[in-house]
Amino acid sequence: MGNSVTETASNNQISQQTKAQNTFSTAMIISGIRCAFTYVIFPVLAPILGVASGVGSGIGLAASIIGIVANLYSIKRFHAAGHIYRWHMTTLNISVIGLLSALMVMDLTSLF
């Protein structure tokens, strides 16, 4: 009986760590998509398609906010799971949040 409780606790811990890793991956994908739009799609394709320049900044601003929230959630998940690499991931997430914040400020200045 004691072994079953240990296995259940171990499986729960593994599940929590897997969820934390998946959340981190999602946050990085969102941040990557935002950068692709900012540096590839809008500068290259927007003029070809005749899309207004302010549209890129507006979408970039929204994507930055979503990316920051996703990174904050990733930090929360890693710490809640007690993941072995939680501080490494926290450092990486905070770095991405810093970059997204800088891009957000650039988008705000181009909009106003």
C-alpha atoms as a PDB file:
ATOM      1  CA  MET A   1       0.000   0.000   0.000  1.00  0.00           C
ATOM      2  CA  GLY A   2       2.812   2.439   0.810  1.00  0.00           C
ATOM      3  CA  ASN A   3       4.383   1.785  -2.584  1.00  0.00           C
ATOM      4  CA  SER A   4       1.153   2.741  -4.356  1.00  0.00           C
ATOM      5  CA  VAL A   5       1.045   6.090  -2.555  1.00  0.00           C
ATOM      6  CA  THR A   6       4.682   6.726  -3.479  1.00  0.00           C
ATOM      7  CA  GLU A   7       4.008   5.856  -7.123  1.00  0.00           C
ATOM      8  CA  THR A   8       0.981   8.161  -7.222  1.00  0.00           C
ATOM      9  CA  ALA A   9       2.987  11.040  -5.726  1.00  0.00           C
ATOM     10  CA  SER A  10       5.835  10.377  -8.153  1.00  0.00           C
ATOM     11  CA  ASN A  11       3.478  10.276 -11.152  1.00  0.00           C
ATOM     12  CA  ASN A  12       1.834  13.518 -10.004  1.00  0.00           C
ATOM     13  CA  GLN A  13       5.252  15.203  -9.732  1.00  0.00           C
ATOM     14  CA  ILE A  14       6.209  14.010 -13.219  1.00  0.00           C
ATOM     15  CA  SER A  15       2.875  15.265 -14.563  1.00  0.00           C
ATOM     16  CA  GLN A  16       3.421  18.684 -12.970  1.00  0.00           C
ATOM     17  CA  GLN A  17       6.927  18.902 -14.450  1.00  0.00           C
ATOM     18  CA  THR A  18       5.646  17.908 -17.887  1.00  0.00           C
ATOM     19  CA  LYS A  19       2.962  20.597 -17.691  1.00  0.00           C
ATOM     20  CA  ALA A  20       5.608  23.152 -16.703  1.00  0.00           C
ATOM     21  CA  GLN A  21       7.785  22.165 -19.660  1.00  0.00           C
ATOM     22  CA  ASN A  22       4.819  22.355 -22.041  1.00  0.00           C
ATOM     23  CA  THR A  23       3.910  25.805 -20.721  1.00  0.00           C
ATOM     24  CA  PHE A  24       7.492  26.957 -21.261  1.00  0.00           C
ATOM     25  CA  SER A  25       7.438  25.630 -24.825  1.00  0.00           C
ATOM     26  CA  THR A  26       4.181  27.447 -25.523  1.00  0.00           C
ATOM     27  CA  ALA A  27       5.583  30.710 -24.140  1.00  0.00           C
ATOM     28  CA  MET A  28       8.673  30.407 -26.347  1.00  0.00           C
ATOM     29  CA  ILE A  29       6.557  29.647 -29.422  1.00  0.00           C
ATOM     30  CA  ILE A  30       4.391  32.712 -28.791  1.00  0.00           C
ATOM     31  CA  SER A  31       7.496  34.869 -28.388  1.00  0.00           C
ATOM     32  CA  GLY A  32       9.011  33.403 -31.553  1.00  0.00           C
ATOM     33  CA  ILE A  33       5.864  34.031 -33.569  1.00  0.00           C
ATOM     34  CA  ARG A  34       5.829  37.621 -32.362  1.00  0.00           C
ATOM     35  CA  CYS A  35       9.421  38.088 -33.526  1.00  0.00           C
ATOM     36  CA  ALA A  36       8.698  36.464 -36.887  1.00  0.00           C
ATOM     37  CA  PHE A  37       5.842  38.900 -37.450  1.00  0.00           C
ATOM     38  CA  THR A  38       7.927  41.873 -36.316  1.00  0.00           C
ATOM     39  CA  TYR A  39      11.098  41.171 -38.273  1.00  0.00           C
ATOM     40  CA  VAL A  40      10.020  39.080 -41.266  1.00  0.00           C
ATOM     41  CA  ILE A  41       6.354  39.149 -42.129  1.00  0.00           C
ATOM     42  CA  PHE A  42       5.486  42.812 -41.573  1.00  0.00           C
ATOM     43  CA  PRO A  43       8.679  44.435 -42.898  1.00  0.00           C
ATOM     44  CA  VAL A  44       8.741  42.252 -46.017  1.00  0.00           C
ATOM     45  CA  LEU A  45       5.177  41.269 -46.805  1.00  0.00           C
ATOM     46  CA  ALA A  46       3.171  44.227 -45.477  1.00  0.00           C
ATOM     47  CA  PRO A  47       4.436  46.714 -48.094  1.00  0.00           C
ATOM     48  CA  ILE A  48       3.954  44.154 -50.862  1.00  0.00           C
ATOM     49  CA  LEU A  49       0.377  43.526 -49.749  1.00  0.00           C
ATOM     50  CA  GLY A  50      -0.290  47.223 -49.159  1.00  0.00           C
ATOM     51  CA  VAL A  51      -1.019  46.826 -45.438  1.00  0.00           C
ATOM     52  CA  ALA A  52      -0.734  49.989 -43.326  1.00  0.00           C
ATOM     53  CA  SER A  53       2.408  50.284 -41.200  1.00  0.00           C
ATOM     54  CA  GLY A  54       0.510  50.820 -37.929  1.00  0.00           C
ATOM     55  CA  VAL A  55      -1.127  47.410 -38.206  1.00  0.00           C
ATOM     56  CA  GLY A  56       2.184  45.657 -37.540  1.00  0.00           C
ATOM     57  CA  SER A  57       2.797  47.670 -34.392  1.00  0.00           C
ATOM     58  CA  GLY A  58      -0.704  46.999 -33.093  1.00  0.00           C
ATOM     59  CA  ILE A  59      -0.414  43.262 -33.641  1.00  0.00           C
ATOM     60  CA  GLY A  60       3.108  43.303 -32.207  1.00  0.00           C
ATOM     61  CA  LEU A  61       1.845  45.058 -29.096  1.00  0.00           C
ATOM     62  CA  ALA A  62      -0.891  42.482 -28.572  1.00  0.00           C
ATOM     63  CA  ALA A  63       1.542  39.617 -29.207  1.00  0.00           C
ATOM     64  CA  SER A  64       4.021  41.096 -26.705  1.00  0.00           C
ATOM     65  CA  ILE A  65       1.370  41.243 -23.998  1.00  0.00           C
ATOM     66  CA  ILE A  66       0.312  37.654 -24.682  1.00  0.00           C
ATOM     67  CA  GLY A  67       3.961  36.553 -24.697  1.00  0.00           C
ATOM     68  CA  ILE A  68       4.705  38.255 -21.379  1.00  0.00           C
ATOM     69  CA  VAL A  69       1.660  36.662 -19.747  1.00  0.00           C
ATOM     70  CA  ALA A  70       2.646  33.246 -21.127  1.00  0.00           C
ATOM     71  CA  ASN A  71       6.180  33.620 -19.774  1.00  0.00           C
ATOM     72  CA  LEU A  72       4.901  34.656 -16.342  1.00  0.00           C
ATOM     73  CA  TYR A  73       2.612  31.623 -16.331  1.00  0.00           C
ATOM     74  CA  SER A  74       5.566  29.440 -17.289  1.00  0.00           C
ATOM     75  CA  ILE A  75       7.546  30.732 -14.316  1.00  0.00           C
ATOM     76  CA  LYS A  76       4.598  29.994 -12.034  1.00  0.00           C
ATOM     77  CA  ARG A  77       4.243  26.446 -13.399  1.00  0.00           C
ATOM     78  CA  PHE A  78       7.945  25.605 -12.980  1.00  0.00           C
ATOM     79  CA  HIS A  79       7.988  26.802  -9.382  1.00  0.00           C
ATOM     80  CA  ALA A  80       4.704  25.093  -8.505  1.00  0.00           C
ATOM     81  CA  ALA A  81       6.066  21.815  -9.876  1.00  0.00           C
ATOM     82  CA  GLY A  82       9.306  22.176  -7.946  1.00  0.00           C
ATOM     83  CA  HIS A  83      11.129  21.474 -11.212  1.00  0.00           C
ATOM     84  CA  ILE A  84      14.857  20.897 -10.900  1.00  0.00           C
ATOM     85  CA  TYR A  85      15.585  23.594 -13.490  1.00  0.00           C
ATOM     86  CA  ARG A  86      13.060  26.144 -12.236  1.00  0.00           C
ATOM     87  CA  TRP A  87      15.669  28.851 -11.617  1.00  0.00           C
ATOM     88  CA  HIS A  88      17.287  28.302 -15.006  1.00  0.00           C
ATOM     89  CA  MET A  89      13.903  28.585 -16.687  1.00  0.00           C
ATOM     90  CA  THR A  90      13.009  31.611 -14.570  1.00  0.00           C
ATOM     91  CA  THR A  91      16.170  33.366 -15.770  1.00  0.00           C
ATOM     92  CA  LEU A  92      15.394  32.522 -19.382  1.00  0.00           C
ATOM     93  CA  ASN A  93      11.747  33.577 -19.054  1.00  0.00           C
ATOM     94  CA  ILE A  94      12.727  36.878 -17.429  1.00  0.00           C
ATOM     95  CA  SER A  95      15.176  37.521 -20.272  1.00  0.00           C
ATOM     96  CA  VAL A  96      12.440  36.938 -22.841  1.00  0.00           C
ATOM     97  CA  ILE A  97      10.060  39.164 -20.846  1.00  0.00           C
ATOM     98  CA  GLY A  98      12.713  41.904 -20.942  1.00  0.00           C
ATOM     99  CA  LEU A  99      13.060  41.598 -24.713  1.00  0.00           C
ATOM    100  CA  LEU A 100       9.295  41.563 -25.223  1.00  0.00           C
ATOM    101  CA  SER A 101       8.970  44.625 -22.978  1.00  0.00           C
ATOM    102  CA  ALA A 102      11.528  46.501 -25.079  1.00  0.00           C
ATOM    103  CA  LEU A 103       9.665  45.540 -28.255  1.00  0.00           C
ATOM    104  CA  MET A 104       6.403  46.605 -26.643  1.00  0.00           C
ATOM    105  CA  VAL A 105       7.844  50.043 -25.883  1.00  0.00           C
ATOM    106  CA  MET A 106       9.030  50.325 -29.494  1.00  0.00           C
ATOM    107  CA  ASP A 107       5.574  49.382 -30.734  1.00  0.00           C
ATOM    108  CA  LEU A 108       3.948  51.943 -28.432  1.00  0.00           C
ATOM    109  CA  THR A 109       6.252  54.713 -29.631  1.00  0.00           C
ATOM    110  CA  SER A 110       5.535  53.894 -33.262  1.00  0.00           C
ATOM    111  CA  LEU A 111       1.787  53.943 -32.605  1.00  0.00           C
ATOM    112  CA  PHE A 112       1.766  57.260 -30.759  1.00  0.00           C
END
